[in-house]
């Protein structure tokens, strides 16, 4: 039995990937979590220039999910390449998430990373809901998506993963545009635009007013989108959103995902990632599956 997967040319020893934003730059959790169970870790999103992020408070716990408004805080591509990247030491692949306010920003960041060692792939974040410029503005428009992916593809031969927003009304067109312009895989999906209001003050709970909803509340939406896109695109899908147990991960695979990303569950239970992979292996053994491909997309039948 093997849980190895091929995600658009990126060969991973495990289908579990650490979602961007929750794992810092890869090794912050090395002393707390068994990272050997991961196929890869996605870094915080890196932009052309440093970003301070949004004003606090930045996270609201709803009980059934989290709303975050981090605002893509990061040191910028120069410091990331000059200081951070070489220091990352993890027992799995590193996927660098890239973002930008303009198409040129995405291209310049991709160009800087193209020749750097230690980068297995790029995740193109065209779906962040809590920045004023860029982000989801690209991911809700097929033509803008195509422009970003075309520009990034021209700068690098690394595998490209387009991270899509959870917007059912346009997701098929956006997915096809990303695929047509060089995406080797699609991550489905980013957080859902959301907010929470303090009824005593009458003000939004987040310093950035709105943010992105993750956790269990997002899972049914993202699962639906994976199932929908599995029937219309030819590139591998990565299921993202609300995975807290092995059953959650298995649902995504049955819907058509080749791999899956985990994130906010670690705020509840640090051993959750190991439990998820162990449960996946137990399920495969019980069902007699020799590989992920043996049951991927069965819910499409």
C-alpha atoms as a PDB file:
ATOM      1  CA  UNK A   1       0.000   0.000   0.000  1.00  0.00           C
ATOM      2  CA  UNK A   2       1.300   3.457  -0.917  1.00  0.00           C
ATOM      3  CA  UNK A   3       0.001   6.944  -0.162  1.00  0.00           C
ATOM      4  CA  UNK A   4       2.387   8.606  -2.620  1.00  0.00           C
ATOM      5  CA  UNK A   5       0.746  11.010  -5.073  1.00  0.00           C
ATOM      6  CA  UNK A   6       1.695  12.987  -8.167  1.00  0.00           C
ATOM      7  CA  UNK A   7       0.323  16.523  -8.055  1.00  0.00           C
ATOM      8  CA  UNK A   8       0.966  17.970 -11.500  1.00  0.00           C
ATOM      9  CA  UNK A   9       4.509  16.643 -11.667  1.00  0.00           C
ATOM     10  CA  UNK A  10       5.192  17.230  -7.979  1.00  0.00           C
ATOM     11  CA  UNK A  11       5.727  13.776  -6.501  1.00  0.00           C
ATOM     12  CA  UNK A  12       4.854  13.652  -2.813  1.00  0.00           C
ATOM     13  CA  UNK A  13       5.313  10.855  -0.291  1.00  0.00           C
ATOM     14  CA  UNK A  14       2.000  11.771   1.344  1.00  0.00           C
ATOM     15  CA  UNK A  15      -1.164  13.478   0.040  1.00  0.00           C
ATOM     16  CA  UNK A  16      -1.261  15.745   3.119  1.00  0.00           C
ATOM     17  CA  UNK A  17       0.016  19.297   2.602  1.00  0.00           C
ATOM     18  CA  UNK A  18       0.293  22.031   5.215  1.00  0.00           C
ATOM     19  CA  UNK A  19      -1.924  24.951   4.138  1.00  0.00           C
ATOM     20  CA  UNK A  20      -0.461  28.408   3.578  1.00  0.00           C
ATOM     21  CA  UNK A  21      -0.647  30.810   6.494  1.00  0.00           C
ATOM     22  CA  UNK A  22      -0.851  28.206   9.247  1.00  0.00           C
ATOM     23  CA  UNK A  23       2.683  26.830   9.055  1.00  0.00           C
ATOM     24  CA  UNK A  24       4.747  30.004   8.819  1.00  0.00           C
ATOM     25  CA  UNK A  25       7.738  29.254   6.646  1.00  0.00           C
ATOM     26  CA  UNK A  26       7.712  25.528   7.239  1.00  0.00           C
ATOM     27  CA  UNK A  27       9.727  24.753  10.329  1.00  0.00           C
ATOM     28  CA  UNK A  28       7.971  26.686  13.108  1.00  0.00           C
ATOM     29  CA  UNK A  29       6.123  23.522  14.136  1.00  0.00           C
ATOM     30  CA  UNK A  30       9.092  21.153  13.731  1.00  0.00           C
ATOM     31  CA  UNK A  31       9.442  20.562  17.489  1.00  0.00           C
ATOM     32  CA  UNK A  32       5.695  20.086  17.999  1.00  0.00           C
ATOM     33  CA  UNK A  33       4.410  18.064  15.045  1.00  0.00           C
ATOM     34  CA  UNK A  34       5.748  15.091  13.097  1.00  0.00           C
ATOM     35  CA  UNK A  35       6.395  16.766   9.753  1.00  0.00           C
ATOM     36  CA  UNK A  36       7.489  13.477   8.174  1.00  0.00           C
ATOM     37  CA  UNK A  37       3.789  12.702   7.723  1.00  0.00           C
ATOM     38  CA  UNK A  38       3.453  15.639   5.316  1.00  0.00           C
ATOM     39  CA  UNK A  39       4.109  15.530   1.607  1.00  0.00           C
ATOM     40  CA  UNK A  40       4.778  19.275   1.590  1.00  0.00           C
ATOM     41  CA  UNK A  41       4.309  22.505   3.503  1.00  0.00           C
ATOM     42  CA  UNK A  42       3.042  25.693   1.829  1.00  0.00           C
ATOM     43  CA  UNK A  43       4.700  28.852   3.141  1.00  0.00           C
ATOM     44  CA  UNK A  44       3.002  32.103   4.068  1.00  0.00           C
ATOM     45  CA  UNK A  45       2.243  34.084   0.933  1.00  0.00           C
ATOM     46  CA  UNK A  46       5.276  36.046  -0.285  1.00  0.00           C
ATOM     47  CA  UNK A  47       4.813  39.337  -2.114  1.00  0.00           C
ATOM     48  CA  UNK A  48       7.106  41.619  -4.093  1.00  0.00           C
ATOM     49  CA  UNK A  49       7.354  44.107  -1.209  1.00  0.00           C
ATOM     50  CA  UNK A  50       7.118  43.613   2.574  1.00  0.00           C
ATOM     51  CA  UNK A  51       3.613  43.785   4.043  1.00  0.00           C
ATOM     52  CA  UNK A  52       2.731  44.651   7.627  1.00  0.00           C
ATOM     53  CA  UNK A  53      -0.664  43.029   7.384  1.00  0.00           C
ATOM     54  CA  UNK A  54      -3.964  44.216   8.803  1.00  0.00           C
ATOM     55  CA  UNK A  55      -4.594  45.891  12.150  1.00  0.00           C
ATOM     56  CA  UNK A  56      -5.453  43.630  15.121  1.00  0.00           C
ATOM     57  CA  UNK A  57      -7.548  41.831  16.154  1.00  0.00           C
ATOM     58  CA  UNK A  58      -6.767  39.457  13.308  1.00  0.00           C
ATOM     59  CA  UNK A  59      -8.573  36.249  14.255  1.00  0.00           C
ATOM     60  CA  UNK A  60     -12.086  35.506  15.493  1.00  0.00           C
ATOM     61  CA  UNK A  61     -13.023  32.017  16.709  1.00  0.00           C
ATOM     62  CA  UNK A  62     -16.672  31.314  15.895  1.00  0.00           C
ATOM     63  CA  UNK A  63     -16.680  27.821  17.347  1.00  0.00           C
ATOM     64  CA  UNK A  64     -17.540  26.284  13.992  1.00  0.00           C
ATOM     65  CA  UNK A  65     -14.668  27.969  12.156  1.00  0.00           C
ATOM     66  CA  UNK A  66     -12.189  30.829  12.236  1.00  0.00           C
ATOM     67  CA  UNK A  67     -12.249  34.187  10.490  1.00  0.00           C
ATOM     68  CA  UNK A  68      -8.758  35.528   9.907  1.00  0.00           C
ATOM     69  CA  UNK A  69      -7.702  38.932   8.644  1.00  0.00           C
ATOM     70  CA  UNK A  70      -3.920  38.597   8.640  1.00  0.00           C
ATOM     71  CA  UNK A  71      -3.563  40.584   5.426  1.00  0.00           C
ATOM     72  CA  UNK A  72      -0.631  38.627   3.939  1.00  0.00           C
ATOM     73  CA  UNK A  73       1.947  39.898   6.436  1.00  0.00           C
ATOM     74  CA  UNK A  74       5.365  38.848   5.094  1.00  0.00           C
ATOM     75  CA  UNK A  75       8.952  40.125   4.740  1.00  0.00           C
ATOM     76  CA  UNK A  76       8.836  40.490   0.951  1.00  0.00           C
ATOM     77  CA  UNK A  77      10.657  38.489  -1.697  1.00  0.00           C
ATOM     78  CA  UNK A  78      14.108  40.044  -1.138  1.00  0.00           C
ATOM     79  CA  UNK A  79      14.323  39.088   2.533  1.00  0.00           C
ATOM     80  CA  UNK A  80      12.628  35.760   1.922  1.00  0.00           C
ATOM     81  CA  UNK A  81      15.226  34.756  -0.668  1.00  0.00           C
ATOM     82  CA  UNK A  82      18.146  36.384   1.142  1.00  0.00           C
ATOM     83  CA  UNK A  83      17.433  35.204   4.675  1.00  0.00           C
ATOM     84  CA  UNK A  84      14.511  32.832   5.108  1.00  0.00           C
ATOM     85  CA  UNK A  85      14.521  30.277   2.324  1.00  0.00           C
ATOM     86  CA  UNK A  86      17.970  28.790   2.918  1.00  0.00           C
ATOM     87  CA  UNK A  87      17.236  28.416   6.638  1.00  0.00           C
ATOM     88  CA  UNK A  88      14.105  26.285   6.155  1.00  0.00           C
ATOM     89  CA  UNK A  89      14.862  22.737   7.319  1.00  0.00           C
ATOM     90  CA  UNK A  90      11.941  20.316   7.084  1.00  0.00           C
ATOM     91  CA  UNK A  91      11.643  16.620   6.077  1.00  0.00           C
ATOM     92  CA  UNK A  92       9.170  17.347   3.290  1.00  0.00           C
ATOM     93  CA  UNK A  93       8.896  19.535   0.211  1.00  0.00           C
ATOM     94  CA  UNK A  94       8.426  23.307   0.409  1.00  0.00           C
ATOM     95  CA  UNK A  95       5.805  24.978  -1.778  1.00  0.00           C
ATOM     96  CA  UNK A  96       6.071  28.768  -1.806  1.00  0.00           C
ATOM     97  CA  UNK A  97       2.803  30.714  -1.923  1.00  0.00           C
ATOM     98  CA  UNK A  98       3.073  33.886  -3.988  1.00  0.00           C
ATOM     99  CA  UNK A  99       0.763  36.895  -4.190  1.00  0.00           C
ATOM    100  CA  UNK A 100       0.631  40.385  -5.592  1.00  0.00           C
ATOM    101  CA  UNK A 101      -1.330  43.553  -6.233  1.00  0.00           C
ATOM    102  CA  UNK A 102      -0.608  43.480  -9.972  1.00  0.00           C
ATOM    103  CA  UNK A 103       0.157  40.884 -12.614  1.00  0.00           C
ATOM    104  CA  UNK A 104       3.710  42.234 -12.677  1.00  0.00           C
ATOM    105  CA  UNK A 105       4.068  41.590  -8.932  1.00  0.00           C
ATOM    106  CA  UNK A 106       3.255  37.911  -9.383  1.00  0.00           C
ATOM    107  CA  UNK A 107       5.683  37.642 -12.296  1.00  0.00           C
ATOM    108  CA  UNK A 108       8.549  39.321 -10.445  1.00  0.00           C
ATOM    109  CA  UNK A 109       8.161  37.087  -7.367  1.00  0.00           C
ATOM    110  CA  UNK A 110       8.001  33.968  -9.551  1.00  0.00           C
ATOM    111  CA  UNK A 111      11.101  35.093 -11.437  1.00  0.00           C
ATOM    112  CA  UNK A 112      13.088  35.542  -8.195  1.00  0.00           C
ATOM    113  CA  UNK A 113      12.147  32.056  -7.036  1.00  0.00           C
ATOM    114  CA  UNK A 114      12.658  30.277 -10.366  1.00  0.00           C
ATOM    115  CA  UNK A 115      16.335  29.558  -9.817  1.00  0.00           C
ATOM    116  CA  UNK A 116      16.314  29.069  -6.062  1.00  0.00           C
ATOM    117  CA  UNK A 117      17.016  25.682  -4.536  1.00  0.00           C
ATOM    118  CA  UNK A 118      14.655  24.232  -1.981  1.00  0.00           C
ATOM    119  CA  UNK A 119      11.476  25.297  -3.787  1.00  0.00           C
ATOM    120  CA  UNK A 120       9.432  22.342  -5.037  1.00  0.00           C
ATOM    121  CA  UNK A 121       6.504  24.296  -6.498  1.00  0.00           C
ATOM    122  CA  UNK A 122       4.667  27.610  -6.374  1.00  0.00           C
ATOM    123  CA  UNK A 123       1.120  28.076  -5.105  1.00  0.00           C
ATOM    124  CA  UNK A 124      -0.307  31.136  -6.875  1.00  0.00           C
ATOM    125  CA  UNK A 125      -2.625  32.858  -4.417  1.00  0.00           C
ATOM    126  CA  UNK A 126      -5.283  34.523  -6.557  1.00  0.00           C
ATOM    127  CA  UNK A 127      -7.954  34.203  -3.884  1.00  0.00           C
ATOM    128  CA  UNK A 128      -7.035  35.928  -0.614  1.00  0.00           C
ATOM    129  CA  UNK A 129     -10.216  37.714   0.620  1.00  0.00           C
ATOM    130  CA  UNK A 130      -8.606  40.046   3.171  1.00  0.00           C
ATOM    131  CA  UNK A 131      -6.380  42.365   1.143  1.00  0.00           C
ATOM    132  CA  UNK A 132      -7.487  45.602  -0.498  1.00  0.00           C
ATOM    133  CA  UNK A 133      -5.678  44.995  -3.808  1.00  0.00           C
ATOM    134  CA  UNK A 134      -4.999  41.789  -5.716  1.00  0.00           C
ATOM    135  CA  UNK A 135      -5.972  38.469  -4.153  1.00  0.00           C
ATOM    136  CA  UNK A 136      -9.562  37.493  -4.805  1.00  0.00           C
ATOM    137  CA  UNK A 137      -9.913  40.312  -7.353  1.00  0.00           C
ATOM    138  CA  UNK A 138      -7.873  38.110  -9.698  1.00  0.00           C
ATOM    139  CA  UNK A 139      -9.525  34.825  -8.750  1.00  0.00           C
ATOM    140  CA  UNK A 140     -13.089  35.951  -9.418  1.00  0.00           C
ATOM    141  CA  UNK A 141     -12.309  36.999 -13.010  1.00  0.00           C
ATOM    142  CA  UNK A 142     -11.283  34.354 -15.590  1.00  0.00           C
ATOM    143  CA  UNK A 143      -9.428  36.909 -17.723  1.00  0.00           C
ATOM    144  CA  UNK A 144      -7.482  38.247 -14.731  1.00  0.00           C
ATOM    145  CA  UNK A 145      -6.735  34.692 -13.623  1.00  0.00           C
ATOM    146  CA  UNK A 146      -5.437  33.879 -17.093  1.00  0.00           C
ATOM    147  CA  UNK A 147      -3.232  36.978 -17.106  1.00  0.00           C
ATOM    148  CA  UNK A 148      -1.632  36.105 -13.762  1.00  0.00           C
ATOM    149  CA  UNK A 149      -1.034  32.456 -14.619  1.00  0.00           C
ATOM    150  CA  UNK A 150       0.335  33.335 -18.063  1.00  0.00           C
ATOM    151  CA  UNK A 151       2.783  35.817 -16.554  1.00  0.00           C
ATOM    152  CA  UNK A 152       3.931  33.420 -13.830  1.00  0.00           C
ATOM    153  CA  UNK A 153       4.259  30.500 -16.234  1.00  0.00           C
ATOM    154  CA  UNK A 154       6.539  32.599 -18.453  1.00  0.00           C
ATOM    155  CA  UNK A 155       8.948  33.098 -15.536  1.00  0.00           C
ATOM    156  CA  UNK A 156       9.355  29.580 -14.178  1.00  0.00           C
ATOM    157  CA  UNK A 157       9.362  25.880 -14.979  1.00  0.00           C
ATOM    158  CA  UNK A 158       8.368  24.970 -11.417  1.00  0.00           C
ATOM    159  CA  UNK A 159       5.030  23.180 -10.951  1.00  0.00           C
ATOM    160  CA  UNK A 160       2.289  25.786 -10.498  1.00  0.00           C
ATOM    161  CA  UNK A 161      -0.719  25.369  -8.223  1.00  0.00           C
ATOM    162  CA  UNK A 162      -3.468  27.974  -8.661  1.00  0.00           C
ATOM    163  CA  UNK A 163      -5.317  28.543  -5.380  1.00  0.00           C
ATOM    164  CA  UNK A 164      -8.931  29.352  -6.222  1.00  0.00           C
ATOM    165  CA  UNK A 165     -11.584  31.242  -4.252  1.00  0.00           C
ATOM    166  CA  UNK A 166     -14.771  29.479  -3.031  1.00  0.00           C
ATOM    167  CA  UNK A 167     -17.058  31.304  -5.453  1.00  0.00           C
ATOM    168  CA  UNK A 168     -19.406  28.780  -7.126  1.00  0.00           C
ATOM    169  CA  UNK A 169     -20.748  31.294  -9.634  1.00  0.00           C
ATOM    170  CA  UNK A 170     -17.472  31.584 -11.556  1.00  0.00           C
ATOM    171  CA  UNK A 171     -15.266  28.747 -10.360  1.00  0.00           C
ATOM    172  CA  UNK A 172     -15.517  26.614 -13.507  1.00  0.00           C
ATOM    173  CA  UNK A 173     -14.496  29.477 -15.792  1.00  0.00           C
ATOM    174  CA  UNK A 174     -11.672  30.509 -13.458  1.00  0.00           C
ATOM    175  CA  UNK A 175     -10.431  26.923 -13.161  1.00  0.00           C
ATOM    176  CA  UNK A 176     -10.405  26.430 -16.931  1.00  0.00           C
ATOM    177  CA  UNK A 177      -8.572  29.739 -17.392  1.00  0.00           C
ATOM    178  CA  UNK A 178      -5.901  28.758 -14.861  1.00  0.00           C
ATOM    179  CA  UNK A 179      -5.471  25.340 -16.471  1.00  0.00           C
ATOM    180  CA  UNK A 180      -5.242  26.795 -19.979  1.00  0.00           C
ATOM    181  CA  UNK A 181      -2.494  29.216 -18.942  1.00  0.00           C
ATOM    182  CA  UNK A 182      -0.180  26.756 -17.270  1.00  0.00           C
ATOM    183  CA  UNK A 183      -1.529  25.657 -13.888  1.00  0.00           C
ATOM    184  CA  UNK A 184      -0.344  22.113 -13.148  1.00  0.00           C
ATOM    185  CA  UNK A 185      -2.840  21.708 -10.285  1.00  0.00           C
ATOM    186  CA  UNK A 186      -5.635  23.617  -8.554  1.00  0.00           C
ATOM    187  CA  UNK A 187      -6.039  24.135  -4.793  1.00  0.00           C
ATOM    188  CA  UNK A 188      -9.751  24.332  -3.961  1.00  0.00           C
ATOM    189  CA  UNK A 189     -10.372  26.473  -2.085  1.00  0.00           C
ATOM    190  CA  UNK A 190      -9.148  29.509  -0.199  1.00  0.00           C
ATOM    191  CA  UNK A 191     -11.134  30.968   2.697  1.00  0.00           C
ATOM    192  CA  UNK A 192     -14.641  32.347   2.221  1.00  0.00           C
ATOM    193  CA  UNK A 193     -15.152  36.125   2.594  1.00  0.00           C
ATOM    194  CA  UNK A 194     -16.747  36.666   6.015  1.00  0.00           C
ATOM    195  CA  UNK A 195     -17.149  38.961   9.007  1.00  0.00           C
ATOM    196  CA  UNK A 196     -18.281  39.029  12.629  1.00  0.00           C
ATOM    197  CA  UNK A 197     -19.774  41.987  14.585  1.00  0.00           C
ATOM    198  CA  UNK A 198     -19.584  42.737  18.311  1.00  0.00           C
ATOM    199  CA  UNK A 199     -23.183  43.549  19.275  1.00  0.00           C
ATOM    200  CA  UNK A 200     -22.128  45.610  22.302  1.00  0.00           C
ATOM    201  CA  UNK A 201     -19.825  47.990  20.469  1.00  0.00           C
ATOM    202  CA  UNK A 202     -21.632  47.670  17.172  1.00  0.00           C
ATOM    203  CA  UNK A 203     -18.263  47.329  15.447  1.00  0.00           C
ATOM    204  CA  UNK A 204     -16.667  44.532  13.409  1.00  0.00           C
ATOM    205  CA  UNK A 205     -14.608  42.197  15.578  1.00  0.00           C
ATOM    206  CA  UNK A 206     -11.671  42.249  13.169  1.00  0.00           C
ATOM    207  CA  UNK A 207      -9.275  45.151  12.766  1.00  0.00           C
ATOM    208  CA  UNK A 208      -9.508  44.682   9.020  1.00  0.00           C
ATOM    209  CA  UNK A 209     -13.314  44.597   9.309  1.00  0.00           C
ATOM    210  CA  UNK A 210     -13.684  41.504   7.100  1.00  0.00           C
ATOM    211  CA  UNK A 211     -11.618  38.357   6.674  1.00  0.00           C
ATOM    212  CA  UNK A 212     -11.652  34.787   5.452  1.00  0.00           C
ATOM    213  CA  UNK A 213     -13.636  31.910   6.970  1.00  0.00           C
ATOM    214  CA  UNK A 214     -11.813  28.600   7.425  1.00  0.00           C
ATOM    215  CA  UNK A 215     -12.488  25.437   9.396  1.00  0.00           C
ATOM    216  CA  UNK A 216     -15.502  23.092   9.467  1.00  0.00           C
ATOM    217  CA  UNK A 217     -17.938  25.724   8.186  1.00  0.00           C
ATOM    218  CA  UNK A 218     -15.986  25.948   4.917  1.00  0.00           C
ATOM    219  CA  UNK A 219     -15.723  22.225   4.235  1.00  0.00           C
ATOM    220  CA  UNK A 220     -19.129  21.550   2.581  1.00  0.00           C
ATOM    221  CA  UNK A 221     -18.565  24.444   0.165  1.00  0.00           C
ATOM    222  CA  UNK A 222     -15.017  23.458  -0.777  1.00  0.00           C
ATOM    223  CA  UNK A 223     -15.973  19.785  -1.050  1.00  0.00           C
ATOM    224  CA  UNK A 224     -18.765  20.699  -3.453  1.00  0.00           C
ATOM    225  CA  UNK A 225     -16.344  22.719  -5.566  1.00  0.00           C
ATOM    226  CA  UNK A 226     -13.808  19.881  -5.728  1.00  0.00           C
ATOM    227  CA  UNK A 227     -16.525  17.478  -6.850  1.00  0.00           C
ATOM    228  CA  UNK A 228     -17.736  19.980  -9.440  1.00  0.00           C
ATOM    229  CA  UNK A 229     -14.293  20.791 -10.843  1.00  0.00           C
ATOM    230  CA  UNK A 230     -13.140  17.179 -10.979  1.00  0.00           C
ATOM    231  CA  UNK A 231     -15.584  16.716 -13.844  1.00  0.00           C
ATOM    232  CA  UNK A 232     -14.444  19.729 -15.871  1.00  0.00           C
ATOM    233  CA  UNK A 233     -10.641  20.064 -15.577  1.00  0.00           C
ATOM    234  CA  UNK A 234      -7.819  17.702 -16.421  1.00  0.00           C
ATOM    235  CA  UNK A 235      -5.252  18.772 -13.829  1.00  0.00           C
ATOM    236  CA  UNK A 236      -5.038  17.369 -10.283  1.00  0.00           C
ATOM    237  CA  UNK A 237      -7.046  19.001  -7.505  1.00  0.00           C
ATOM    238  CA  UNK A 238      -5.968  19.689  -3.942  1.00  0.00           C
ATOM    239  CA  UNK A 239      -8.874  19.797  -1.482  1.00  0.00           C
ATOM    240  CA  UNK A 240      -8.632  22.613   1.067  1.00  0.00           C
ATOM    241  CA  UNK A 241     -11.044  23.613   3.809  1.00  0.00           C
ATOM    242  CA  UNK A 242     -12.194  22.245   7.147  1.00  0.00           C
ATOM    243  CA  UNK A 243     -10.196  19.022   7.242  1.00  0.00           C
ATOM    244  CA  UNK A 244     -10.005  17.922  10.866  1.00  0.00           C
ATOM    245  CA  UNK A 245     -10.225  14.123  10.630  1.00  0.00           C
ATOM    246  CA  UNK A 246      -9.214  11.356   8.253  1.00  0.00           C
ATOM    247  CA  UNK A 247     -12.871  11.072   7.209  1.00  0.00           C
ATOM    248  CA  UNK A 248     -12.771  14.702   6.039  1.00  0.00           C
ATOM    249  CA  UNK A 249      -9.664  14.024   3.957  1.00  0.00           C
ATOM    250  CA  UNK A 250     -11.149  10.844   2.495  1.00  0.00           C
ATOM    251  CA  UNK A 251     -14.270  12.737   1.435  1.00  0.00           C
ATOM    252  CA  UNK A 252     -12.130  15.124  -0.592  1.00  0.00           C
ATOM    253  CA  UNK A 253     -10.340  12.232  -2.289  1.00  0.00           C
ATOM    254  CA  UNK A 254     -13.632  10.514  -3.068  1.00  0.00           C
ATOM    255  CA  UNK A 255     -14.852  13.811  -4.563  1.00  0.00           C
ATOM    256  CA  UNK A 256     -11.852  13.847  -6.895  1.00  0.00           C
ATOM    257  CA  UNK A 257      -8.907  15.412  -5.054  1.00  0.00           C
ATOM    258  CA  UNK A 258      -5.438  13.934  -5.444  1.00  0.00           C
ATOM    259  CA  UNK A 259      -4.127  15.626  -2.290  1.00  0.00           C
ATOM    260  CA  UNK A 260      -5.445  17.767   0.555  1.00  0.00           C
ATOM    261  CA  UNK A 261      -4.281  20.644   2.744  1.00  0.00           C
ATOM    262  CA  UNK A 262      -4.715  20.936   6.504  1.00  0.00           C
ATOM    263  CA  UNK A 263      -4.482  24.106   8.542  1.00  0.00           C
ATOM    264  CA  UNK A 264      -6.562  25.555  11.354  1.00  0.00           C
ATOM    265  CA  UNK A 265      -7.202  22.185  13.039  1.00  0.00           C
ATOM    266  CA  UNK A 266      -3.745  22.456  14.636  1.00  0.00           C
ATOM    267  CA  UNK A 267      -5.105  25.247  16.850  1.00  0.00           C
ATOM    268  CA  UNK A 268      -7.300  22.557  18.430  1.00  0.00           C
ATOM    269  CA  UNK A 269      -5.121  19.461  18.304  1.00  0.00           C
ATOM    270  CA  UNK A 270      -1.422  19.339  17.420  1.00  0.00           C
ATOM    271  CA  UNK A 271      -1.542  15.606  16.699  1.00  0.00           C
ATOM    272  CA  UNK A 272      -4.383  16.002  14.194  1.00  0.00           C
ATOM    273  CA  UNK A 273      -2.126  15.783  11.087  1.00  0.00           C
ATOM    274  CA  UNK A 274      -0.602  12.471  12.212  1.00  0.00           C
ATOM    275  CA  UNK A 275      -4.045  11.144  13.146  1.00  0.00           C
ATOM    276  CA  UNK A 276      -5.386  12.117   9.717  1.00  0.00           C
ATOM    277  CA  UNK A 277      -2.694  10.191   7.829  1.00  0.00           C
ATOM    278  CA  UNK A 278      -2.963   7.204  10.164  1.00  0.00           C
ATOM    279  CA  UNK A 279      -6.736   7.105   9.670  1.00  0.00           C
ATOM    280  CA  UNK A 280      -6.299   7.361   5.895  1.00  0.00           C
ATOM    281  CA  UNK A 281      -3.915   4.407   5.904  1.00  0.00           C
ATOM    282  CA  UNK A 282      -6.274   2.364   8.103  1.00  0.00           C
ATOM    283  CA  UNK A 283      -9.169   3.137   5.743  1.00  0.00           C
ATOM    284  CA  UNK A 284      -7.155   2.077   2.698  1.00  0.00           C
ATOM    285  CA  UNK A 285      -6.083  -1.165   4.382  1.00  0.00           C
ATOM    286  CA  UNK A 286      -9.659  -1.947   5.424  1.00  0.00           C
ATOM    287  CA  UNK A 287     -10.977  -1.277   1.916  1.00  0.00           C
ATOM    288  CA  UNK A 288      -8.122  -3.087   0.174  1.00  0.00           C
ATOM    289  CA  UNK A 289      -6.904  -0.004  -1.679  1.00  0.00           C
ATOM    290  CA  UNK A 290      -3.289  -0.050  -2.803  1.00  0.00           C
ATOM    291  CA  UNK A 291      -3.049   3.632  -3.721  1.00  0.00           C
ATOM    292  CA  UNK A 292      -4.908   6.924  -3.563  1.00  0.00           C
ATOM    293  CA  UNK A 293      -5.844   6.496  -7.221  1.00  0.00           C
ATOM    294  CA  UNK A 294      -7.779   3.333  -6.369  1.00  0.00           C
ATOM    295  CA  UNK A 295     -10.564   5.373  -4.792  1.00  0.00           C
ATOM    296  CA  UNK A 296     -10.014   8.942  -5.960  1.00  0.00           C
ATOM    297  CA  UNK A 297     -13.157  10.337  -7.556  1.00  0.00           C
ATOM    298  CA  UNK A 298     -15.409   7.377  -6.734  1.00  0.00           C
ATOM    299  CA  UNK A 299     -18.134   9.852  -5.755  1.00  0.00           C
ATOM    300  CA  UNK A 300     -18.142  10.950  -9.414  1.00  0.00           C
ATOM    301  CA  UNK A 301     -19.455   7.543 -10.495  1.00  0.00           C
END
